[in-house]
Full PDB file with SEQRES, HELIX, SHEET, SSBOND, CRYST1, ORIGX, SCALE, CONECT and MASTER records, all heavy atoms in Angstrom:
SEQRES   1 A   37  GLU ASP ALA THR THR LEU GLN HIS ASN ILE ILE ARG SER          
SEQRES   2 A   37  HIS ALA VAL SER VAL GLY GLU PRO LEU GLU LYS GLU ILE          
SEQRES   3 A   37  VAL ARG ALA ILE GLN PHE MET ILE LEU VAL SER                  
HELIX    1 AA1 ALA A    3  HIS A   14  1                                  12    
HELIX    2 AA2 LYS A   24  VAL A   36  1                                  13    
CRYST1    1.000    1.000    1.000  90.00  90.00  90.00 P 1           1          
ORIGX1      1.000000  0.000000  0.000000        0.00000                         
ORIGX2      0.000000  1.000000  0.000000        0.00000                         
ORIGX3      0.000000  0.000000  1.000000        0.00000                         
SCALE1      1.000000  0.000000  0.000000        0.00000                         
SCALE2      0.000000  1.000000  0.000000        0.00000                         
SCALE3      0.000000  0.000000  1.000000        0.00000                         
ATOM      1  N   GLU A   1       2.777   6.167 -22.591  1.00  0.00           N  
ATOM      2  CA  GLU A   1       4.198   5.974 -22.294  1.00  0.00           C  
ATOM      3  C   GLU A   1       4.511   6.230 -20.821  1.00  0.00           C  
ATOM      4  O   GLU A   1       5.495   5.706 -20.272  1.00  0.00           O  
ATOM      5  CB  GLU A   1       5.058   6.903 -23.163  1.00  0.00           C  
ATOM      6  CG  GLU A   1       5.044   6.564 -24.648  1.00  0.00           C  
ATOM      7  CD  GLU A   1       3.740   7.005 -25.332  1.00  0.00           C  
ATOM      8  OE1 GLU A   1       3.054   7.903 -24.782  1.00  0.00           O  
ATOM      9  OE2 GLU A   1       3.397   6.442 -26.382  1.00  0.00           O  
ATOM     10  N   ASP A   2       3.692   7.051 -20.163  1.00  0.00           N  
ATOM     11  CA  ASP A   2       3.930   7.378 -18.761  1.00  0.00           C  
ATOM     12  C   ASP A   2       3.079   6.546 -17.791  1.00  0.00           C  
ATOM     13  O   ASP A   2       3.054   6.815 -16.589  1.00  0.00           O  
ATOM     14  CB  ASP A   2       3.616   8.867 -18.510  1.00  0.00           C  
ATOM     15  CG  ASP A   2       4.645   9.777 -19.164  1.00  0.00           C  
ATOM     16  OD1 ASP A   2       5.816   9.359 -19.273  1.00  0.00           O  
ATOM     17  OD2 ASP A   2       4.269  10.914 -19.543  1.00  0.00           O  
ATOM     18  N   ALA A   3       2.383   5.546 -18.314  1.00  0.00           N  
ATOM     19  CA  ALA A   3       1.450   4.780 -17.474  1.00  0.00           C  
ATOM     20  C   ALA A   3       2.148   4.085 -16.313  1.00  0.00           C  
ATOM     21  O   ALA A   3       1.647   4.070 -15.186  1.00  0.00           O  
ATOM     22  CB  ALA A   3       0.701   3.757 -18.326  1.00  0.00           C  
ATOM     23  N   THR A   4       3.332   3.505 -16.583  1.00  0.00           N  
ATOM     24  CA  THR A   4       4.059   2.808 -15.508  1.00  0.00           C  
ATOM     25  C   THR A   4       4.580   3.791 -14.473  1.00  0.00           C  
ATOM     26  O   THR A   4       4.477   3.560 -13.268  1.00  0.00           O  
ATOM     27  CB  THR A   4       5.217   1.990 -16.104  1.00  0.00           C  
ATOM     28  OG1 THR A   4       4.679   0.979 -16.973  1.00  0.00           O  
ATOM     29  CG2 THR A   4       6.026   1.322 -15.000  1.00  0.00           C  
ATOM     30  N   THR A   5       5.140   4.905 -14.939  1.00  0.00           N  
ATOM     31  CA  THR A   5       5.637   5.936 -14.014  1.00  0.00           C  
ATOM     32  C   THR A   5       4.515   6.429 -13.109  1.00  0.00           C  
ATOM     33  O   THR A   5       4.703   6.636 -11.905  1.00  0.00           O  
ATOM     34  CB  THR A   5       6.228   7.116 -14.801  1.00  0.00           C  
ATOM     35  OG1 THR A   5       7.305   6.641 -15.613  1.00  0.00           O  
ATOM     36  CG2 THR A   5       6.739   8.198 -13.852  1.00  0.00           C  
ATOM     37  N   LEU A   6       3.340   6.606 -13.688  1.00  0.00           N  
ATOM     38  CA  LEU A   6       2.182   7.065 -12.917  1.00  0.00           C  
ATOM     39  C   LEU A   6       1.886   6.112 -11.758  1.00  0.00           C  
ATOM     40  O   LEU A   6       1.593   6.548 -10.639  1.00  0.00           O  
ATOM     41  CB  LEU A   6       0.967   7.167 -13.842  1.00  0.00           C  
ATOM     42  CG  LEU A   6      -0.350   7.622 -13.196  1.00  0.00           C  
ATOM     43  CD1 LEU A   6      -0.274   9.086 -12.792  1.00  0.00           C  
ATOM     44  CD2 LEU A   6      -1.514   7.399 -14.163  1.00  0.00           C  
ATOM     45  N   GLN A   7       1.965   4.802 -12.012  1.00  0.00           N  
ATOM     46  CA  GLN A   7       1.643   3.821 -10.974  1.00  0.00           C  
ATOM     47  C   GLN A   7       2.681   3.798  -9.861  1.00  0.00           C  
ATOM     48  O   GLN A   7       2.338   3.647  -8.679  1.00  0.00           O  
ATOM     49  CB  GLN A   7       1.482   2.432 -11.598  1.00  0.00           C  
ATOM     50  CG  GLN A   7       0.401   2.345 -12.654  1.00  0.00           C  
ATOM     51  CD  GLN A   7      -0.953   2.859 -12.166  1.00  0.00           C  
ATOM     52  OE1 GLN A   7      -1.423   2.465 -11.101  1.00  0.00           O  
ATOM     53  NE2 GLN A   7      -1.567   3.752 -12.935  1.00  0.00           N  
ATOM     54  N   HIS A   8       3.933   3.959 -10.203  1.00  0.00           N  
ATOM     55  CA  HIS A   8       4.974   4.042  -9.170  1.00  0.00           C  
ATOM     56  C   HIS A   8       4.836   5.337  -8.384  1.00  0.00           C  
ATOM     57  O   HIS A   8       5.046   5.346  -7.163  1.00  0.00           O  
ATOM     58  CB  HIS A   8       6.361   3.929  -9.806  1.00  0.00           C  
ATOM     59  CG  HIS A   8       6.724   2.533 -10.193  1.00  0.00           C  
ATOM     60  ND1 HIS A   8       7.747   1.824  -9.597  1.00  0.00           N  
ATOM     61  CD2 HIS A   8       6.186   1.683 -11.114  1.00  0.00           C  
ATOM     62  CE1 HIS A   8       7.827   0.628 -10.129  1.00  0.00           C  
ATOM     63  NE2 HIS A   8       6.889   0.524 -11.070  1.00  0.00           N  
ATOM     64  N   ASN A   9       4.472   6.403  -9.060  1.00  0.00           N  
ATOM     65  CA  ASN A   9       4.324   7.690  -8.373  1.00  0.00           C  
ATOM     66  C   ASN A   9       3.201   7.669  -7.341  1.00  0.00           C  
ATOM     67  O   ASN A   9       3.321   8.262  -6.270  1.00  0.00           O  
ATOM     68  CB  ASN A   9       4.062   8.808  -9.393  1.00  0.00           C  
ATOM     69  CG  ASN A   9       5.321   9.228 -10.129  1.00  0.00           C  
ATOM     70  OD1 ASN A   9       6.427   8.822  -9.768  1.00  0.00           O  
ATOM     71  ND2 ASN A   9       5.159  10.028 -11.169  1.00  0.00           N  
ATOM     72  N   ILE A  10       2.106   6.981  -7.676  1.00  0.00           N  
ATOM     73  CA  ILE A  10       0.998   6.967  -6.715  1.00  0.00           C  
ATOM     74  C   ILE A  10       1.385   6.205  -5.453  1.00  0.00           C  
ATOM     75  O   ILE A  10       1.018   6.594  -4.339  1.00  0.00           O  
ATOM     76  CB  ILE A  10      -0.293   6.389  -7.335  1.00  0.00           C  
ATOM     77  CG1 ILE A  10      -1.483   6.661  -6.384  1.00  0.00           C  
ATOM     78  CG2 ILE A  10      -0.178   4.907  -7.639  1.00  0.00           C  
ATOM     79  CD1 ILE A  10      -2.827   6.264  -6.942  1.00  0.00           C  
ATOM     80  N   ILE A  11       2.172   5.159  -5.599  1.00  0.00           N  
ATOM     81  CA  ILE A  11       2.604   4.393  -4.426  1.00  0.00           C  
ATOM     82  C   ILE A  11       3.538   5.249  -3.566  1.00  0.00           C  
ATOM     83  O   ILE A  11       3.359   5.350  -2.346  1.00  0.00           O  
ATOM     84  CB  ILE A  11       3.308   3.093  -4.854  1.00  0.00           C  
ATOM     85  CG1 ILE A  11       2.338   2.175  -5.612  1.00  0.00           C  
ATOM     86  CG2 ILE A  11       3.913   2.388  -3.645  1.00  0.00           C  
ATOM     87  CD1 ILE A  11       1.128   1.766  -4.815  1.00  0.00           C  
ATOM     88  N   ARG A  12       4.510   5.864  -4.197  1.00  0.00           N  
ATOM     89  CA  ARG A  12       5.482   6.658  -3.423  1.00  0.00           C  
ATOM     90  C   ARG A  12       4.836   7.865  -2.765  1.00  0.00           C  
ATOM     91  O   ARG A  12       5.098   8.179  -1.600  1.00  0.00           O  
ATOM     92  CB  ARG A  12       6.626   7.094  -4.343  1.00  0.00           C  
ATOM     93  CG  ARG A  12       7.498   5.936  -4.812  1.00  0.00           C  
ATOM     94  CD  ARG A  12       8.420   6.345  -5.929  1.00  0.00           C  
ATOM     95  NE  ARG A  12       9.265   5.235  -6.377  1.00  0.00           N  
ATOM     96  CZ  ARG A  12       9.634   5.036  -7.632  1.00  0.00           C  
ATOM     97  NH1 ARG A  12       9.224   5.865  -8.593  1.00  0.00           N  
ATOM     98  NH2 ARG A  12      10.404   4.016  -7.943  1.00  0.00           N  
ATOM     99  N   SER A  13       3.976   8.555  -3.488  1.00  0.00           N  
ATOM    100  CA  SER A  13       3.397   9.803  -2.963  1.00  0.00           C  
ATOM    101  C   SER A  13       2.327   9.560  -1.915  1.00  0.00           C  
ATOM    102  O   SER A  13       2.057  10.427  -1.080  1.00  0.00           O  
ATOM    103  CB  SER A  13       2.800  10.620  -4.114  1.00  0.00           C  
ATOM    104  OG  SER A  13       1.698   9.940  -4.710  1.00  0.00           O  
ATOM    105  N   HIS A  14       1.727   8.378  -1.946  1.00  0.00           N  
ATOM    106  CA  HIS A  14       0.639   8.091  -1.009  1.00  0.00           C  
ATOM    107  C   HIS A  14       1.105   7.389   0.266  1.00  0.00           C  
ATOM    108  O   HIS A  14       0.309   7.222   1.196  1.00  0.00           O  
ATOM    109  CB  HIS A  14      -0.440   7.240  -1.691  1.00  0.00           C  
ATOM    110  CG  HIS A  14      -1.313   8.016  -2.636  1.00  0.00           C  
ATOM    111  ND1 HIS A  14      -0.818   8.831  -3.622  1.00  0.00           N  
ATOM    112  CD2 HIS A  14      -2.675   8.098  -2.733  1.00  0.00           C  
ATOM    113  CE1 HIS A  14      -1.823   9.377  -4.294  1.00  0.00           C  
ATOM    114  NE2 HIS A  14      -2.954   8.955  -3.767  1.00  0.00           N  
ATOM    115  N   ALA A  15       2.357   6.991   0.324  1.00  0.00           N  
ATOM    116  CA  ALA A  15       2.874   6.287   1.504  1.00  0.00           C  
ATOM    117  C   ALA A  15       3.237   7.298   2.588  1.00  0.00           C  
ATOM    118  O   ALA A  15       4.402   7.498   2.933  1.00  0.00           O  
ATOM    119  CB  ALA A  15       4.076   5.430   1.126  1.00  0.00           C  
ATOM    120  N   VAL A  16       2.213   7.933   3.160  1.00  0.00           N  
ATOM    121  CA  VAL A  16       2.444   9.032   4.108  1.00  0.00           C  
ATOM    122  C   VAL A  16       1.707   8.845   5.433  1.00  0.00           C  
ATOM    123  O   VAL A  16       1.583   9.795   6.206  1.00  0.00           O  
ATOM    124  CB  VAL A  16       2.052  10.392   3.478  1.00  0.00           C  
ATOM    125  CG1 VAL A  16       2.989  10.760   2.353  1.00  0.00           C  
ATOM    126  CG2 VAL A  16       0.600  10.374   2.991  1.00  0.00           C  
ATOM    127  N   SER A  17       1.201   7.646   5.713  1.00  0.00           N  
ATOM    128  CA  SER A  17       0.666   7.427   7.060  1.00  0.00           C  
ATOM    129  C   SER A  17       1.836   7.479   8.043  1.00  0.00           C  
ATOM    130  O   SER A  17       3.003   7.291   7.671  1.00  0.00           O  
ATOM    131  CB  SER A  17      -0.070   6.082   7.141  1.00  0.00           C  
ATOM    132  OG  SER A  17       0.733   5.020   6.674  1.00  0.00           O  
ATOM    133  N   VAL A  18       1.520   7.764   9.302  1.00  0.00           N  
ATOM    134  CA  VAL A  18       2.560   8.061  10.280  1.00  0.00           C  
ATOM    135  C   VAL A  18       2.350   7.235  11.547  1.00  0.00           C  
ATOM    136  O   VAL A  18       1.377   6.510  11.686  1.00  0.00           O  
ATOM    137  CB  VAL A  18       2.568   9.565  10.630  1.00  0.00           C  
ATOM    138  CG1 VAL A  18       2.906  10.406   9.396  1.00  0.00           C  
ATOM    139  CG2 VAL A  18       1.220  10.002  11.210  1.00  0.00           C  
ATOM    140  N   GLY A  19       3.284   7.395  12.488  1.00  0.00           N  
ATOM    141  CA  GLY A  19       3.129   6.779  13.792  1.00  0.00           C  
ATOM    142  C   GLY A  19       3.647   5.357  13.848  1.00  0.00           C  
ATOM    143  O   GLY A  19       4.461   4.928  13.028  1.00  0.00           O  
ATOM    144  N   GLU A  20       3.163   4.639  14.858  1.00  0.00           N  
ATOM    145  CA  GLU A  20       3.601   3.263  15.068  1.00  0.00           C  
ATOM    146  C   GLU A  20       3.108   2.357  13.940  1.00  0.00           C  
ATOM    147  O   GLU A  20       2.024   2.566  13.393  1.00  0.00           O  
ATOM    148  CB  GLU A  20       3.065   2.744  16.406  1.00  0.00           C  
ATOM    149  CG  GLU A  20       3.639   3.456  17.621  1.00  0.00           C  
ATOM    150  CD  GLU A  20       5.134   3.257  17.730  1.00  0.00           C  
ATOM    151  OE1 GLU A  20       5.595   2.104  17.572  1.00  0.00           O  
ATOM    152  OE2 GLU A  20       5.850   4.254  17.961  1.00  0.00           O  
ATOM    153  N   PRO A  21       3.899   1.336  13.595  1.00  0.00           N  
ATOM    154  CA  PRO A  21       3.476   0.430  12.524  1.00  0.00           C  
ATOM    155  C   PRO A  21       2.281  -0.416  12.955  1.00  0.00           C  
ATOM    156  O   PRO A  21       2.101  -0.718  14.141  1.00  0.00           O  
ATOM    157  CB  PRO A  21       4.709  -0.440  12.285  1.00  0.00           C  
ATOM    158  CG  PRO A  21       5.471  -0.394  13.574  1.00  0.00           C  
ATOM    159  CD  PRO A  21       5.234   0.984  14.129  1.00  0.00           C  
ATOM    160  N   LEU A  22       1.469  -0.792  11.990  1.00  0.00           N  
ATOM    161  CA  LEU A  22       0.348  -1.680  12.258  1.00  0.00           C  
ATOM    162  C   LEU A  22       0.863  -3.038  12.730  1.00  0.00           C  
ATOM    163  O   LEU A  22       1.945  -3.484  12.340  1.00  0.00           O  
ATOM    164  CB  LEU A  22      -0.487  -1.878  10.990  1.00  0.00           C  
ATOM    165  CG  LEU A  22      -1.227  -0.644  10.465  1.00  0.00           C  
ATOM    166  CD1 LEU A  22      -1.840  -0.964   9.100  1.00  0.00           C  
ATOM    167  CD2 LEU A  22      -2.304  -0.194  11.440  1.00  0.00           C  
ATOM    168  N   GLU A  23       0.061  -3.687  13.569  1.00  0.00           N  
ATOM    169  CA  GLU A  23       0.417  -5.014  14.046  1.00  0.00           C  
ATOM    170  C   GLU A  23       0.515  -5.997  12.882  1.00  0.00           C  
ATOM    171  O   GLU A  23      -0.145  -5.838  11.857  1.00  0.00           O  
ATOM    172  CB  GLU A  23      -0.632  -5.513  15.041  1.00  0.00           C  
ATOM    173  CG  GLU A  23      -0.730  -4.697  16.316  1.00  0.00           C  
ATOM    174  CD  GLU A  23      -1.847  -5.188  17.212  1.00  0.00           C  
ATOM    175  OE1 GLU A  23      -2.040  -6.424  17.297  1.00  0.00           O  
ATOM    176  OE2 GLU A  23      -2.529  -4.339  17.810  1.00  0.00           O  
ATOM    177  N   LYS A  24       1.311  -7.024  13.089  1.00  0.00           N  
ATOM    178  CA  LYS A  24       1.551  -8.005  12.041  1.00  0.00           C  
ATOM    179  C   LYS A  24       0.250  -8.606  11.528  1.00  0.00           C  
ATOM    180  O   LYS A  24       0.048  -8.740  10.318  1.00  0.00           O  
ATOM    181  CB  LYS A  24       2.471  -9.113  12.562  1.00  0.00           C  
ATOM    182  CG  LYS A  24       2.809 -10.173  11.522  1.00  0.00           C  
ATOM    183  CD  LYS A  24       3.787 -11.201  12.071  1.00  0.00           C  
ATOM    184  CE  LYS A  24       4.136 -12.240  11.011  1.00  0.00           C  
ATOM    185  NZ  LYS A  24       5.118 -13.242  11.529  1.00  0.00           N  
ATOM    186  N   GLU A  25      -0.669  -8.990  12.431  1.00  0.00           N  
ATOM    187  CA  GLU A  25      -1.889  -9.632  11.960  1.00  0.00           C  
ATOM    188  C   GLU A  25      -2.768  -8.671  11.183  1.00  0.00           C  
ATOM    189  O   GLU A  25      -3.511  -9.096  10.296  1.00  0.00           O  
ATOM    190  CB  GLU A  25      -2.660 -10.269  13.116  1.00  0.00           C  
ATOM    191  CG  GLU A  25      -3.384  -9.334  14.054  1.00  0.00           C  
ATOM    192  CD  GLU A  25      -4.304 -10.092  15.011  1.00  0.00           C  
ATOM    193  OE1 GLU A  25      -4.168 -11.323  15.147  1.00  0.00           O  
ATOM    194  OE2 GLU A  25      -5.166  -9.445  15.637  1.00  0.00           O  
ATOM    195  N   ILE A  26      -2.693  -7.385  11.477  1.00  0.00           N  
ATOM    196  CA  ILE A  26      -3.455  -6.401  10.706  1.00  0.00           C  
ATOM    197  C   ILE A  26      -2.886  -6.282   9.296  1.00  0.00           C  
ATOM    198  O   ILE A  26      -3.629  -6.274   8.304  1.00  0.00           O  
ATOM    199  CB  ILE A  26      -3.444  -5.033  11.412  1.00  0.00           C  
ATOM    200  CG1 ILE A  26      -4.292  -5.080  12.687  1.00  0.00           C  
ATOM    201  CG2 ILE A  26      -3.959  -3.943  10.485  1.00  0.00           C  
ATOM    202  CD1 ILE A  26      -5.772  -5.254  12.449  1.00  0.00           C  
ATOM    203  N   VAL A  27      -1.570  -6.171   9.189  1.00  0.00           N  
ATOM    204  CA  VAL A  27      -0.937  -6.085   7.868  1.00  0.00           C  
ATOM    205  C   VAL A  27      -1.276  -7.322   7.044  1.00  0.00           C  
ATOM    206  O   VAL A  27      -1.640  -7.227   5.863  1.00  0.00           O  
ATOM    207  CB  VAL A  27       0.587  -5.922   8.005  1.00  0.00           C  
ATOM    208  CG1 VAL A  27       1.262  -5.972   6.635  1.00  0.00           C  
ATOM    209  CG2 VAL A  27       0.925  -4.608   8.704  1.00  0.00           C  
ATOM    210  N   ARG A  28      -1.183  -8.481   7.653  1.00  0.00           N  
ATOM    211  CA  ARG A  28      -1.487  -9.722   6.932  1.00  0.00           C  
ATOM    212  C   ARG A  28      -2.963  -9.769   6.524  1.00  0.00           C  
ATOM    213  O   ARG A  28      -3.291 -10.220   5.419  1.00  0.00           O  
ATOM    214  CB  ARG A  28      -1.143 -10.929   7.804  1.00  0.00           C  
ATOM    215  CG  ARG A  28       0.354 -11.134   7.996  1.00  0.00           C  
ATOM    216  CD  ARG A  28       0.657 -12.317   8.905  1.00  0.00           C  
ATOM    217  NE  ARG A  28       0.147 -13.562   8.370  1.00  0.00           N  
ATOM    218  CZ  ARG A  28       0.781 -14.331   7.470  1.00  0.00           C  
ATOM    219  NH1 ARG A  28       1.954 -13.958   6.988  1.00  0.00           N  
ATOM    220  NH2 ARG A  28       0.243 -15.461   7.057  1.00  0.00           N  
ATOM    221  N   ALA A  29      -3.842  -9.277   7.383  1.00  0.00           N  
ATOM    222  CA  ALA A  29      -5.267  -9.254   7.039  1.00  0.00           C  
ATOM    223  C   ALA A  29      -5.533  -8.320   5.861  1.00  0.00           C  
ATOM    224  O   ALA A  29      -6.345  -8.631   4.980  1.00  0.00           O  
ATOM    225  CB  ALA A  29      -6.094  -8.834   8.251  1.00  0.00           C  
ATOM    226  N   ILE A  30      -4.860  -7.180   5.835  1.00  0.00           N  
ATOM    227  CA  ILE A  30      -5.025  -6.240   4.715  1.00  0.00           C  
ATOM    228  C   ILE A  30      -4.499  -6.860   3.422  1.00  0.00           C  
ATOM    229  O   ILE A  30      -5.147  -6.773   2.365  1.00  0.00           O  
ATOM    230  CB  ILE A  30      -4.323  -4.905   5.014  1.00  0.00           C  
ATOM    231  CG1 ILE A  30      -4.993  -4.205   6.206  1.00  0.00           C  
ATOM    232  CG2 ILE A  30      -4.354  -3.986   3.781  1.00  0.00           C  
ATOM    233  CD1 ILE A  30      -4.243  -2.980   6.710  1.00  0.00           C  
ATOM    234  N   GLN A  31      -3.327  -7.489   3.489  1.00  0.00           N  
ATOM    235  CA  GLN A  31      -2.792  -8.151   2.296  1.00  0.00           C  
ATOM    236  C   GLN A  31      -3.754  -9.232   1.793  1.00  0.00           C  
ATOM    237  O   GLN A  31      -3.973  -9.368   0.587  1.00  0.00           O  
ATOM    238  CB  GLN A  31      -1.430  -8.780   2.619  1.00  0.00           C  
ATOM    239  CG  GLN A  31      -0.319  -7.768   2.853  1.00  0.00           C  
ATOM    240  CD  GLN A  31       0.973  -8.451   3.274  1.00  0.00           C  
ATOM    241  OE1 GLN A  31       1.008  -9.192   4.255  1.00  0.00           O  
ATOM    242  NE2 GLN A  31       2.023  -8.231   2.513  1.00  0.00           N  
ATOM    243  N   PHE A  32      -4.309  -9.984   2.724  1.00  0.00           N  
ATOM    244  CA  PHE A  32      -5.285 -11.006   2.350  1.00  0.00           C  
ATOM    245  C   PHE A  32      -6.477 -10.379   1.651  1.00  0.00           C  
ATOM    246  O   PHE A  32      -6.941 -10.878   0.614  1.00  0.00           O  
ATOM    247  CB  PHE A  32      -5.722 -11.764   3.607  1.00  0.00           C  
ATOM    248  CG  PHE A  32      -6.737 -12.841   3.355  1.00  0.00           C  
ATOM    249  CD1 PHE A  32      -6.354 -14.085   2.891  1.00  0.00           C  
ATOM    250  CD2 PHE A  32      -8.089 -12.619   3.592  1.00  0.00           C  
ATOM    251  CE1 PHE A  32      -7.287 -15.091   2.661  1.00  0.00           C  
ATOM    252  CE2 PHE A  32      -9.032 -13.606   3.365  1.00  0.00           C  
ATOM    253  CZ  PHE A  32      -8.634 -14.854   2.897  1.00  0.00           C  
ATOM    254  N   MET A  33      -6.973  -9.264   2.200  1.00  0.00           N  
ATOM    255  CA  MET A  33      -8.123  -8.599   1.592  1.00  0.00           C  
ATOM    256  C   MET A  33      -7.796  -8.038   0.208  1.00  0.00           C  
ATOM    257  O   MET A  33      -8.647  -8.030  -0.683  1.00  0.00           O  
ATOM    258  CB  MET A  33      -8.637  -7.482   2.500  1.00  0.00           C  
ATOM    259  CG  MET A  33      -9.730  -7.886   3.461  1.00  0.00           C  
ATOM    260  SD  MET A  33     -11.076  -8.832   2.711  1.00  0.00           S  
ATOM    261  CE  MET A  33     -11.556  -7.765   1.364  1.00  0.00           C  
ATOM    262  N   ILE A  34      -6.582  -7.577   0.009  1.00  0.00           N  
ATOM    263  CA  ILE A  34      -6.173  -7.107  -1.320  1.00  0.00           C  
ATOM    264  C   ILE A  34      -6.262  -8.261  -2.320  1.00  0.00           C  
ATOM    265  O   ILE A  34      -6.769  -8.096  -3.438  1.00  0.00           O  
ATOM    266  CB  ILE A  34      -4.745  -6.512  -1.267  1.00  0.00           C  
ATOM    267  CG1 ILE A  34      -4.741  -5.188  -0.493  1.00  0.00           C  
ATOM    268  CG2 ILE A  34      -4.191  -6.297  -2.680  1.00  0.00           C  
ATOM    269  CD1 ILE A  34      -3.361  -4.645  -0.197  1.00  0.00           C  
ATOM    270  N   LEU A  35      -5.786  -9.432  -1.918  1.00  0.00           N  
ATOM    271  CA  LEU A  35      -5.865 -10.602  -2.799  1.00  0.00           C  
ATOM    272  C   LEU A  35      -7.314 -10.969  -3.094  1.00  0.00           C  
ATOM    273  O   LEU A  35      -7.664 -11.303  -4.225  1.00  0.00           O  
ATOM    274  CB  LEU A  35      -5.156 -11.792  -2.151  1.00  0.00           C  
ATOM    275  CG  LEU A  35      -3.644 -11.695  -1.992  1.00  0.00           C  
ATOM    276  CD1 LEU A  35      -3.102 -12.961  -1.337  1.00  0.00           C  
ATOM    277  CD2 LEU A  35      -2.953 -11.461  -3.330  1.00  0.00           C  
ATOM    278  N   VAL A  36      -8.153 -10.893  -2.081  1.00  0.00           N  
ATOM    279  CA  VAL A  36      -9.565 -11.242  -2.263  1.00  0.00           C  
ATOM    280  C   VAL A  36     -10.247 -10.259  -3.194  1.00  0.00           C  
ATOM    281  O   VAL A  36     -10.949 -10.646  -4.136  1.00  0.00           O  
ATOM    282  CB  VAL A  36     -10.283 -11.286  -0.897  1.00  0.00           C  
ATOM    283  CG1 VAL A  36     -11.784 -11.441  -1.081  1.00  0.00           C  
ATOM    284  CG2 VAL A  36      -9.749 -12.428  -0.044  1.00  0.00           C  
ATOM    285  N   SER A  37     -10.043  -8.978  -2.954  1.00  0.00           N  
ATOM    286  CA  SER A  37     -10.719  -7.943  -3.737  1.00  0.00           C  
ATOM    287  C   SER A  37     -10.240  -7.917  -5.195  1.00  0.00           C  
ATOM    288  O   SER A  37     -11.055  -7.944  -6.123  1.00  0.00           O  
ATOM    289  CB  SER A  37     -10.503  -6.572  -3.090  1.00  0.00           C  
ATOM    290  OG  SER A  37     -11.128  -5.550  -3.838  1.00  0.00           O  
TER     291      SER A  37                                                      
MASTER        0    0    0    2    0    0    0    6  290    1    0    3          
END                                                                             
């Protein structure tokens, strides 16, 4: 029953990188790799 909550929690709790945002082409490359993997 808590499986969905668990998945949202991992996204929210893990979004803790800091500093300047990654360049657009880096973000797009990571998204592409997520689709591939």
